[in-house]
Amino acid sequence: MGIQLIAAPTLLLYVDAGKDTMVKRLLKRGETSGRVDDNEETIKKRLETYYKATEPVIAYYEKKGIVRKINAEGTVDEVFKQVCTHLDVLK
């Protein structure tokens, strides 16, 4: 099969919610998911790992001018509308 070339990205959507919001949402998910690791301590550790891994990537693409931040503090419909707005630009 060999190596396949993929075009460089022209847009990076960064769907971002504050740490408190993320913890609340994941704790809520834990009520129905059955995941034993959906507790506050584990969630905070996972978020730290996530931020350490993604912040350099976001910074790299911000320098390229292609990052569009989505405020994910709102409702699902509000966030979806923001995503659509940014994707419509690509048409």
PDB file of N, CA and C in Angstrom:
ATOM      1  N   MET A   1       0.830  -1.193   0.000  1.00  0.00           N
ATOM      2  CA  MET A   1       0.000   0.000   0.000  1.00  0.00           C
ATOM      3  C   MET A   1       0.867   1.247   0.000  1.00  0.00           C
ATOM      4  N   GLY A   2       1.936   1.261   0.750  1.00  0.00           N
ATOM      5  CA  GLY A   2       2.824   2.410   0.725  1.00  0.00           C
ATOM      6  C   GLY A   2       2.323   3.578   1.541  1.00  0.00           C
ATOM      7  N   ILE A   3       3.032   4.669   1.388  1.00  0.00           N
ATOM      8  CA  ILE A   3       2.702   5.885   2.134  1.00  0.00           C
ATOM      9  C   ILE A   3       1.678   6.691   1.345  1.00  0.00           C
ATOM     10  N   GLN A   4       0.674   7.167   2.042  1.00  0.00           N
ATOM     11  CA  GLN A   4      -0.322   8.033   1.420  1.00  0.00           C
ATOM     12  C   GLN A   4      -0.090   9.453   1.910  1.00  0.00           C
ATOM     13  N   LEU A   5      -0.137  10.393   1.003  1.00  0.00           N
ATOM     14  CA  LEU A   5       0.029  11.790   1.369  1.00  0.00           C
ATOM     15  C   LEU A   5      -1.330  12.408   1.652  1.00  0.00           C
ATOM     16  N   ILE A   6      -1.362  13.198   2.680  1.00  0.00           N
ATOM     17  CA  ILE A   6      -2.588  13.887   3.071  1.00  0.00           C
ATOM     18  C   ILE A   6      -2.296  15.375   3.032  1.00  0.00           C
ATOM     19  N   ALA A   7      -3.225  16.146   2.553  1.00  0.00           N
ATOM     20  CA  ALA A   7      -3.040  17.592   2.470  1.00  0.00           C
ATOM     21  C   ALA A   7      -2.950  18.205   3.858  1.00  0.00           C
ATOM     22  N   ALA A   8      -2.247  19.307   3.943  1.00  0.00           N
ATOM     23  CA  ALA A   8      -2.140  20.038   5.205  1.00  0.00           C
ATOM     24  C   ALA A   8      -3.515  20.585   5.578  1.00  0.00           C
ATOM     25  N   PRO A   9      -3.827  20.617   6.857  1.00  0.00           N
ATOM     26  CA  PRO A   9      -5.137  21.141   7.268  1.00  0.00           C
ATOM     27  C   PRO A   9      -5.246  22.636   6.987  1.00  0.00           C
ATOM     28  N   THR A  10      -6.451  23.065   6.679  1.00  0.00           N
ATOM     29  CA  THR A  10      -6.707  24.489   6.472  1.00  0.00           C
ATOM     30  C   THR A  10      -7.560  25.071   7.593  1.00  0.00           C
ATOM     31  N   LEU A  11      -8.051  24.206   8.464  1.00  0.00           N
ATOM     32  CA  LEU A  11      -8.894  24.641   9.573  1.00  0.00           C
ATOM     33  C   LEU A  11      -8.774  23.637  10.707  1.00  0.00           C
ATOM     34  N   LEU A  12      -8.640  24.158  11.917  1.00  0.00           N
ATOM     35  CA  LEU A  12      -8.645  23.312  13.102  1.00  0.00           C
ATOM     36  C   LEU A  12      -9.684  23.887  14.053  1.00  0.00           C
ATOM     37  N   LEU A  13     -10.723  23.134  14.323  1.00  0.00           N
ATOM     38  CA  LEU A  13     -11.748  23.562  15.267  1.00  0.00           C
ATOM     39  C   LEU A  13     -11.365  23.066  16.647  1.00  0.00           C
ATOM     40  N   TYR A  14     -11.205  23.994  17.562  1.00  0.00           N
ATOM     41  CA  TYR A  14     -10.852  23.650  18.943  1.00  0.00           C
ATOM     42  C   TYR A  14     -12.089  23.876  19.798  1.00  0.00           C
ATOM     43  N   VAL A  15     -12.770  22.795  20.104  1.00  0.00           N
ATOM     44  CA  VAL A  15     -13.996  22.850  20.902  1.00  0.00           C
ATOM     45  C   VAL A  15     -13.563  22.875  22.361  1.00  0.00           C
ATOM     46  N   ASP A  16     -13.747  24.022  22.997  1.00  0.00           N
ATOM     47  CA  ASP A  16     -13.158  24.256  24.310  1.00  0.00           C
ATOM     48  C   ASP A  16     -14.213  24.630  25.349  1.00  0.00           C
ATOM     49  N   ALA A  17     -14.143  23.942  26.469  1.00  0.00           N
ATOM     50  CA  ALA A  17     -14.964  24.276  27.636  1.00  0.00           C
ATOM     51  C   ALA A  17     -14.022  24.372  28.824  1.00  0.00           C
ATOM     52  N   GLY A  18     -14.391  25.147  29.802  1.00  0.00           N
ATOM     53  CA  GLY A  18     -13.566  25.293  30.990  1.00  0.00           C
ATOM     54  C   GLY A  18     -13.452  23.994  31.770  1.00  0.00           C
ATOM     55  N   LYS A  19     -12.430  23.938  32.596  1.00  0.00           N
ATOM     56  CA  LYS A  19     -12.168  22.722  33.367  1.00  0.00           C
ATOM     57  C   LYS A  19     -13.357  22.352  34.253  1.00  0.00           C
ATOM     58  N   ASP A  20     -13.962  23.339  34.915  1.00  0.00           N
ATOM     59  CA  ASP A  20     -15.115  23.054  35.782  1.00  0.00           C
ATOM     60  C   ASP A  20     -16.279  22.465  34.985  1.00  0.00           C
ATOM     61  N   THR A  21     -16.526  23.024  33.816  1.00  0.00           N
ATOM     62  CA  THR A  21     -17.596  22.514  32.956  1.00  0.00           C
ATOM     63  C   THR A  21     -17.307  21.082  32.537  1.00  0.00           C
ATOM     64  N   MET A  22     -16.070  20.826  32.166  1.00  0.00           N
ATOM     65  CA  MET A  22     -15.698  19.471  31.743  1.00  0.00           C
ATOM     66  C   MET A  22     -15.878  18.472  32.881  1.00  0.00           C
ATOM     67  N   VAL A  23     -15.447  18.846  34.071  1.00  0.00           N
ATOM     68  CA  VAL A  23     -15.592  17.946  35.219  1.00  0.00           C
ATOM     69  C   VAL A  23     -17.073  17.660  35.468  1.00  0.00           C
ATOM     70  N   LYS A  24     -17.909  18.701  35.464  1.00  0.00           N
ATOM     71  CA  LYS A  24     -19.345  18.510  35.694  1.00  0.00           C
ATOM     72  C   LYS A  24     -19.966  17.592  34.642  1.00  0.00           C
ATOM     73  N   ARG A  25     -19.614  17.819  33.386  1.00  0.00           N
ATOM     74  CA  ARG A  25     -20.191  17.012  32.310  1.00  0.00           C
ATOM     75  C   ARG A  25     -19.750  15.555  32.411  1.00  0.00           C
ATOM     76  N   LEU A  26     -18.484  15.344  32.734  1.00  0.00           N
ATOM     77  CA  LEU A  26     -17.993  13.971  32.833  1.00  0.00           C
ATOM     78  C   LEU A  26     -18.544  13.260  34.061  1.00  0.00           C
ATOM     79  N   LEU A  27     -18.742  13.996  35.148  1.00  0.00           N
ATOM     80  CA  LEU A  27     -19.381  13.387  36.320  1.00  0.00           C
ATOM     81  C   LEU A  27     -20.815  12.993  35.990  1.00  0.00           C
ATOM     82  N   LYS A  28     -21.499  13.843  35.244  1.00  0.00           N
ATOM     83  CA  LYS A  28     -22.872  13.541  34.811  1.00  0.00           C
ATOM     84  C   LYS A  28     -22.881  12.300  33.920  1.00  0.00           C
ATOM     85  N   ARG A  29     -21.903  12.223  33.009  1.00  0.00           N
ATOM     86  CA  ARG A  29     -21.800  11.039  32.153  1.00  0.00           C
ATOM     87  C   ARG A  29     -21.596   9.785  32.997  1.00  0.00           C
ATOM     88  N   GLY A  30     -20.823   9.917  34.054  1.00  0.00           N
ATOM     89  CA  GLY A  30     -20.529   8.782  34.920  1.00  0.00           C
ATOM     90  C   GLY A  30     -21.757   8.190  35.578  1.00  0.00           C
ATOM     91  N   GLU A  31     -22.805   8.996  35.719  1.00  0.00           N
ATOM     92  CA  GLU A  31     -24.041   8.505  36.332  1.00  0.00           C
ATOM     93  C   GLU A  31     -24.709   7.427  35.480  1.00  0.00           C
ATOM     94  N   THR A  32     -24.490   7.482  34.177  1.00  0.00           N
ATOM     95  CA  THR A  32     -25.162   6.533  33.285  1.00  0.00           C
ATOM     96  C   THR A  32     -24.216   5.638  32.497  1.00  0.00           C
ATOM     97  N   SER A  33     -22.935   5.987  32.468  1.00  0.00           N
ATOM     98  CA  SER A  33     -22.004   5.236  31.617  1.00  0.00           C
ATOM     99  C   SER A  33     -21.550   3.923  32.227  1.00  0.00           C
ATOM    100  N   GLY A  34     -21.609   3.845  33.541  1.00  0.00           N
ATOM    101  CA  GLY A  34     -21.105   2.653  34.202  1.00  0.00           C
ATOM    102  C   GLY A  34     -19.593   2.636  34.331  1.00  0.00           C
ATOM    103  N   ARG A  35     -18.942   3.714  33.907  1.00  0.00           N
ATOM    104  CA  ARG A  35     -17.482   3.788  34.002  1.00  0.00           C
ATOM    105  C   ARG A  35     -17.092   4.093  35.442  1.00  0.00           C
ATOM    106  N   VAL A  36     -16.290   3.243  35.999  1.00  0.00           N
ATOM    107  CA  VAL A  36     -15.858   3.451  37.383  1.00  0.00           C
ATOM    108  C   VAL A  36     -14.817   4.555  37.484  1.00  0.00           C
ATOM    109  N   ASP A  37     -14.199   4.918  36.349  1.00  0.00           N
ATOM    110  CA  ASP A  37     -13.179   5.968  36.392  1.00  0.00           C
ATOM    111  C   ASP A  37     -13.759   7.363  36.168  1.00  0.00           C
ATOM    112  N   ASP A  38     -15.067   7.481  36.086  1.00  0.00           N
ATOM    113  CA  ASP A  38     -15.686   8.800  35.989  1.00  0.00           C
ATOM    114  C   ASP A  38     -15.929   9.356  37.385  1.00  0.00           C
ATOM    115  N   ASN A  39     -14.839   9.585  38.103  1.00  0.00           N
ATOM    116  CA  ASN A  39     -14.911  10.253  39.399  1.00  0.00           C
ATOM    117  C   ASN A  39     -14.045  11.503  39.303  1.00  0.00           C
ATOM    118  N   GLU A  40     -14.256  12.437  40.204  1.00  0.00           N
ATOM    119  CA  GLU A  40     -13.631  13.752  40.076  1.00  0.00           C
ATOM    120  C   GLU A  40     -12.106  13.687  40.021  1.00  0.00           C
ATOM    121  N   GLU A  41     -11.503  12.889  40.869  1.00  0.00           N
ATOM    122  CA  GLU A  41     -10.036  12.812  40.900  1.00  0.00           C
ATOM    123  C   GLU A  41      -9.471  12.294  39.571  1.00  0.00           C
ATOM    124  N   THR A  42     -10.045  11.225  39.079  1.00  0.00           N
ATOM    125  CA  THR A  42      -9.571  10.637  37.821  1.00  0.00           C
ATOM    126  C   THR A  42      -9.838  11.564  36.647  1.00  0.00           C
ATOM    127  N   ILE A  43     -10.982  12.202  36.647  1.00  0.00           N
ATOM    128  CA  ILE A  43     -11.320  13.141  35.571  1.00  0.00           C
ATOM    129  C   ILE A  43     -10.306  14.271  35.529  1.00  0.00           C
ATOM    130  N   LYS A  44      -9.968  14.834  36.671  1.00  0.00           N
ATOM    131  CA  LYS A  44      -8.995  15.934  36.709  1.00  0.00           C
ATOM    132  C   LYS A  44      -7.633  15.485  36.193  1.00  0.00           C
ATOM    133  N   LYS A  45      -7.232  14.267  36.521  1.00  0.00           N
ATOM    134  CA  LYS A  45      -5.956  13.741  36.010  1.00  0.00           C
ATOM    135  C   LYS A  45      -6.016  13.572  34.494  1.00  0.00           C
ATOM    136  N   ARG A  46      -7.139  13.052  33.996  1.00  0.00           N
ATOM    137  CA  ARG A  46      -7.287  12.875  32.545  1.00  0.00           C
ATOM    138  C   ARG A  46      -7.266  14.218  31.830  1.00  0.00           C
ATOM    139  N   LEU A  47      -7.897  15.224  32.426  1.00  0.00           N
ATOM    140  CA  LEU A  47      -7.894  16.549  31.806  1.00  0.00           C
ATOM    141  C   LEU A  47      -6.490  17.138  31.766  1.00  0.00           C
ATOM    142  N   GLU A  48      -5.720  16.956  32.825  1.00  0.00           N
ATOM    143  CA  GLU A  48      -4.339  17.450  32.840  1.00  0.00           C
ATOM    144  C   GLU A  48      -3.537  16.792  31.717  1.00  0.00           C
ATOM    145  N   THR A  49      -3.701  15.495  31.568  1.00  0.00           N
ATOM    146  CA  THR A  49      -3.014  14.773  30.493  1.00  0.00           C
ATOM    147  C   THR A  49      -3.451  15.307  29.136  1.00  0.00           C
ATOM    148  N   TYR A  50      -4.745  15.534  28.985  1.00  0.00           N
ATOM    149  CA  TYR A  50      -5.283  16.065  27.732  1.00  0.00           C
ATOM    150  C   TYR A  50      -4.679  17.429  27.420  1.00  0.00           C
ATOM    151  N   TYR A  51      -4.679  18.340  28.399  1.00  0.00           N
ATOM    152  CA  TYR A  51      -4.155  19.685  28.160  1.00  0.00           C
ATOM    153  C   TYR A  51      -2.670  19.654  27.825  1.00  0.00           C
ATOM    154  N   LYS A  52      -1.900  18.833  28.522  1.00  0.00           N
ATOM    155  CA  LYS A  52      -0.464  18.733  28.235  1.00  0.00           C
ATOM    156  C   LYS A  52      -0.217  18.237  26.815  1.00  0.00           C
ATOM    157  N   ALA A  53      -1.049  17.339  26.355  1.00  0.00           N
ATOM    158  CA  ALA A  53      -0.868  16.777  25.012  1.00  0.00           C
ATOM    159  C   ALA A  53      -1.372  17.712  23.914  1.00  0.00           C
ATOM    160  N   THR A  54      -2.450  18.437  24.180  1.00  0.00           N
ATOM    161  CA  THR A  54      -3.065  19.227  23.109  1.00  0.00           C
ATOM    162  C   THR A  54      -2.581  20.666  23.030  1.00  0.00           C
ATOM    163  N   GLU A  55      -2.170  21.256  24.137  1.00  0.00           N
ATOM    164  CA  GLU A  55      -1.757  22.665  24.102  1.00  0.00           C
ATOM    165  C   GLU A  55      -0.640  22.933  23.094  1.00  0.00           C
ATOM    166  N   PRO A  56       0.398  22.088  23.021  1.00  0.00           N
ATOM    167  CA  PRO A  56       1.428  22.341  22.004  1.00  0.00           C
ATOM    168  C   PRO A  56       0.895  22.226  20.573  1.00  0.00           C
ATOM    169  N   VAL A  57      -0.027  21.325  20.357  1.00  0.00           N
ATOM    170  CA  VAL A  57      -0.608  21.153  19.022  1.00  0.00           C
ATOM    171  C   VAL A  57      -1.429  22.384  18.653  1.00  0.00           C
ATOM    172  N   ILE A  58      -2.245  22.844  19.583  1.00  0.00           N
ATOM    173  CA  ILE A  58      -3.058  24.047  19.338  1.00  0.00           C
ATOM    174  C   ILE A  58      -2.147  25.239  19.066  1.00  0.00           C
ATOM    175  N   ALA A  59      -1.097  25.404  19.871  1.00  0.00           N
ATOM    176  CA  ALA A  59      -0.160  26.520  19.688  1.00  0.00           C
ATOM    177  C   ALA A  59       0.495  26.465  18.307  1.00  0.00           C
ATOM    178  N   TYR A  60       0.878  25.283  17.880  1.00  0.00           N
ATOM    179  CA  TYR A  60       1.503  25.113  16.563  1.00  0.00           C
ATOM    180  C   TYR A  60       0.569  25.602  15.458  1.00  0.00           C
ATOM    181  N   TYR A  61      -0.674  25.167  15.513  1.00  0.00           N
ATOM    182  CA  TYR A  61      -1.614  25.546  14.464  1.00  0.00           C
ATOM    183  C   TYR A  61      -2.117  26.980  14.614  1.00  0.00           C
ATOM    184  N   GLU A  62      -2.089  27.523  15.830  1.00  0.00           N
ATOM    185  CA  GLU A  62      -2.426  28.941  15.996  1.00  0.00           C
ATOM    186  C   GLU A  62      -1.407  29.802  15.258  1.00  0.00           C
ATOM    187  N   LYS A  63      -0.133  29.413  15.312  1.00  0.00           N
ATOM    188  CA  LYS A  63       0.907  30.154  14.582  1.00  0.00           C
ATOM    189  C   LYS A  63       0.652  30.116  13.085  1.00  0.00           C
ATOM    190  N   LYS A  64       0.020  29.079  12.616  1.00  0.00           N
ATOM    191  CA  LYS A  64      -0.316  28.960  11.196  1.00  0.00           C
ATOM    192  C   LYS A  64      -1.613  29.696  10.848  1.00  0.00           C
ATOM    193  N   GLY A  65      -2.319  30.170  11.885  1.00  0.00           N
ATOM    194  CA  GLY A  65      -3.525  30.961  11.673  1.00  0.00           C
ATOM    195  C   GLY A  65      -4.763  30.174  11.285  1.00  0.00           C
ATOM    196  N   ILE A  66      -4.799  28.883  11.617  1.00  0.00           N
ATOM    197  CA  ILE A  66      -5.954  28.091  11.176  1.00  0.00           C
ATOM    198  C   ILE A  66      -6.853  27.622  12.318  1.00  0.00           C
ATOM    199  N   VAL A  67      -6.543  28.011  13.550  1.00  0.00           N
ATOM    200  CA  VAL A  67      -7.350  27.567  14.697  1.00  0.00           C
ATOM    201  C   VAL A  67      -8.564  28.470  14.860  1.00  0.00           C
ATOM    202  N   ARG A  68      -9.713  27.846  15.005  1.00  0.00           N
ATOM    203  CA  ARG A  68     -10.944  28.558  15.331  1.00  0.00           C
ATOM    204  C   ARG A  68     -11.472  27.934  16.612  1.00  0.00           C
ATOM    205  N   LYS A  69     -11.526  28.750  17.661  1.00  0.00           N
ATOM    206  CA  LYS A  69     -11.983  28.236  18.952  1.00  0.00           C
ATOM    207  C   LYS A  69     -13.501  28.281  19.023  1.00  0.00           C
ATOM    208  N   ILE A  70     -14.048  27.182  19.487  1.00  0.00           N
ATOM    209  CA  ILE A  70     -15.485  27.043  19.683  1.00  0.00           C
ATOM    210  C   ILE A  70     -15.733  27.075  21.181  1.00  0.00           C
ATOM    211  N   ASN A  71     -16.574  28.000  21.623  1.00  0.00           N
ATOM    212  CA  ASN A  71     -16.923  28.080  23.037  1.00  0.00           C
ATOM    213  C   ASN A  71     -17.946  26.987  23.333  1.00  0.00           C
ATOM    214  N   ALA A  72     -17.509  25.966  24.044  1.00  0.00           N
ATOM    215  CA  ALA A  72     -18.369  24.815  24.320  1.00  0.00           C
ATOM    216  C   ALA A  72     -19.074  24.912  25.665  1.00  0.00           C
ATOM    217  N   GLU A  73     -19.165  26.101  26.200  1.00  0.00           N
ATOM    218  CA  GLU A  73     -19.867  26.299  27.468  1.00  0.00           C
ATOM    219  C   GLU A  73     -21.376  26.293  27.279  1.00  0.00           C
ATOM    220  N   GLY A  74     -21.826  26.496  26.050  1.00  0.00           N
ATOM    221  CA  GLY A  74     -23.255  26.587  25.788  1.00  0.00           C
ATOM    222  C   GLY A  74     -23.919  25.235  25.620  1.00  0.00           C
ATOM    223  N   THR A  75     -25.126  25.287  25.106  1.00  0.00           N
ATOM    224  CA  THR A  75     -25.897  24.066  24.858  1.00  0.00           C
ATOM    225  C   THR A  75     -25.336  23.343  23.633  1.00  0.00           C
ATOM    226  N   VAL A  76     -25.778  22.131  23.437  1.00  0.00           N
ATOM    227  CA  VAL A  76     -25.365  21.363  22.259  1.00  0.00           C
ATOM    228  C   VAL A  76     -25.732  22.133  20.991  1.00  0.00           C
ATOM    229  N   ASP A  77     -26.928  22.694  20.947  1.00  0.00           N
ATOM    230  CA  ASP A  77     -27.369  23.437  19.764  1.00  0.00           C
ATOM    231  C   ASP A  77     -26.510  24.674  19.517  1.00  0.00           C
ATOM    232  N   GLU A  78     -26.143  25.379  20.577  1.00  0.00           N
ATOM    233  CA  GLU A  78     -25.298  26.571  20.433  1.00  0.00           C
ATOM    234  C   GLU A  78     -23.912  26.208  19.905  1.00  0.00           C
ATOM    235  N   VAL A  79     -23.358  25.152  20.439  1.00  0.00           N
ATOM    236  CA  VAL A  79     -22.030  24.710  20.000  1.00  0.00           C
ATOM    237  C   VAL A  79     -22.097  24.244  18.545  1.00  0.00           C
ATOM    238  N   PHE A  80     -23.127  23.490  18.215  1.00  0.00           N
ATOM    239  CA  PHE A  80     -23.300  23.011  16.842  1.00  0.00           C
ATOM    240  C   PHE A  80     -23.387  24.181  15.865  1.00  0.00           C
ATOM    241  N   LYS A  81     -24.100  25.220  16.238  1.00  0.00           N
ATOM    242  CA  LYS A  81     -24.245  26.396  15.374  1.00  0.00           C
ATOM    243  C   LYS A  81     -22.886  27.042  15.119  1.00  0.00           C
ATOM    244  N   GLN A  82     -22.062  27.132  16.162  1.00  0.00           N
ATOM    245  CA  GLN A  82     -20.719  27.704  15.989  1.00  0.00           C
ATOM    246  C   GLN A  82     -19.879  26.853  15.037  1.00  0.00           C
ATOM    247  N   VAL A  83     -19.951  25.547  15.209  1.00  0.00           N
ATOM    248  CA  VAL A  83     -19.195  24.636  14.344  1.00  0.00           C
ATOM    249  C   VAL A  83     -19.640  24.827  12.893  1.00  0.00           C
ATOM    250  N   CYS A  84     -20.944  24.860  12.673  1.00  0.00           N
ATOM    251  CA  CYS A  84     -21.468  25.033  11.314  1.00  0.00           C
ATOM    252  C   CYS A  84     -20.999  26.343  10.696  1.00  0.00           C
ATOM    253  N   THR A  85     -20.983  27.398  11.484  1.00  0.00           N
ATOM    254  CA  THR A  85     -20.536  28.701  10.990  1.00  0.00           C
ATOM    255  C   THR A  85     -19.110  28.615  10.463  1.00  0.00           C
ATOM    256  N   HIS A  86     -18.237  27.957  11.208  1.00  0.00           N
ATOM    257  CA  HIS A  86     -16.840  27.834  10.782  1.00  0.00           C
ATOM    258  C   HIS A  86     -16.690  26.890   9.593  1.00  0.00           C
ATOM    259  N   LEU A  87     -17.485  25.847   9.545  1.00  0.00           N
ATOM    260  CA  LEU A  87     -17.390  24.907   8.427  1.00  0.00           C
ATOM    261  C   LEU A  87     -17.973  25.489   7.142  1.00  0.00           C
ATOM    262  N   ASP A  88     -18.982  26.340   7.270  1.00  0.00           N
ATOM    263  CA  ASP A  88     -19.591  26.955   6.089  1.00  0.00           C
ATOM    264  C   ASP A  88     -18.582  27.792   5.308  1.00  0.00           C
ATOM    265  N   VAL A  89     -17.588  28.321   5.987  1.00  0.00           N
ATOM    266  CA  VAL A  89     -16.555  29.126   5.336  1.00  0.00           C
ATOM    267  C   VAL A  89     -15.767  28.284   4.330  1.00  0.00           C
ATOM    268  N   LEU A  90     -15.700  26.993   4.560  1.00  0.00           N
ATOM    269  CA  LEU A  90     -14.925  26.107   3.686  1.00  0.00           C
ATOM    270  C   LEU A  90     -15.622  25.800   2.367  1.00  0.00           C
ATOM    271  N   LYS A  91     -16.899  26.124   2.272  1.00  0.00           N
ATOM    272  CA  LYS A  91     -17.669  25.796   1.056  1.00  0.00           C
ATOM    273  C   LYS A  91     -17.181  26.603  -0.127  1.00  0.00           C
TER     274      LYS A  91
END
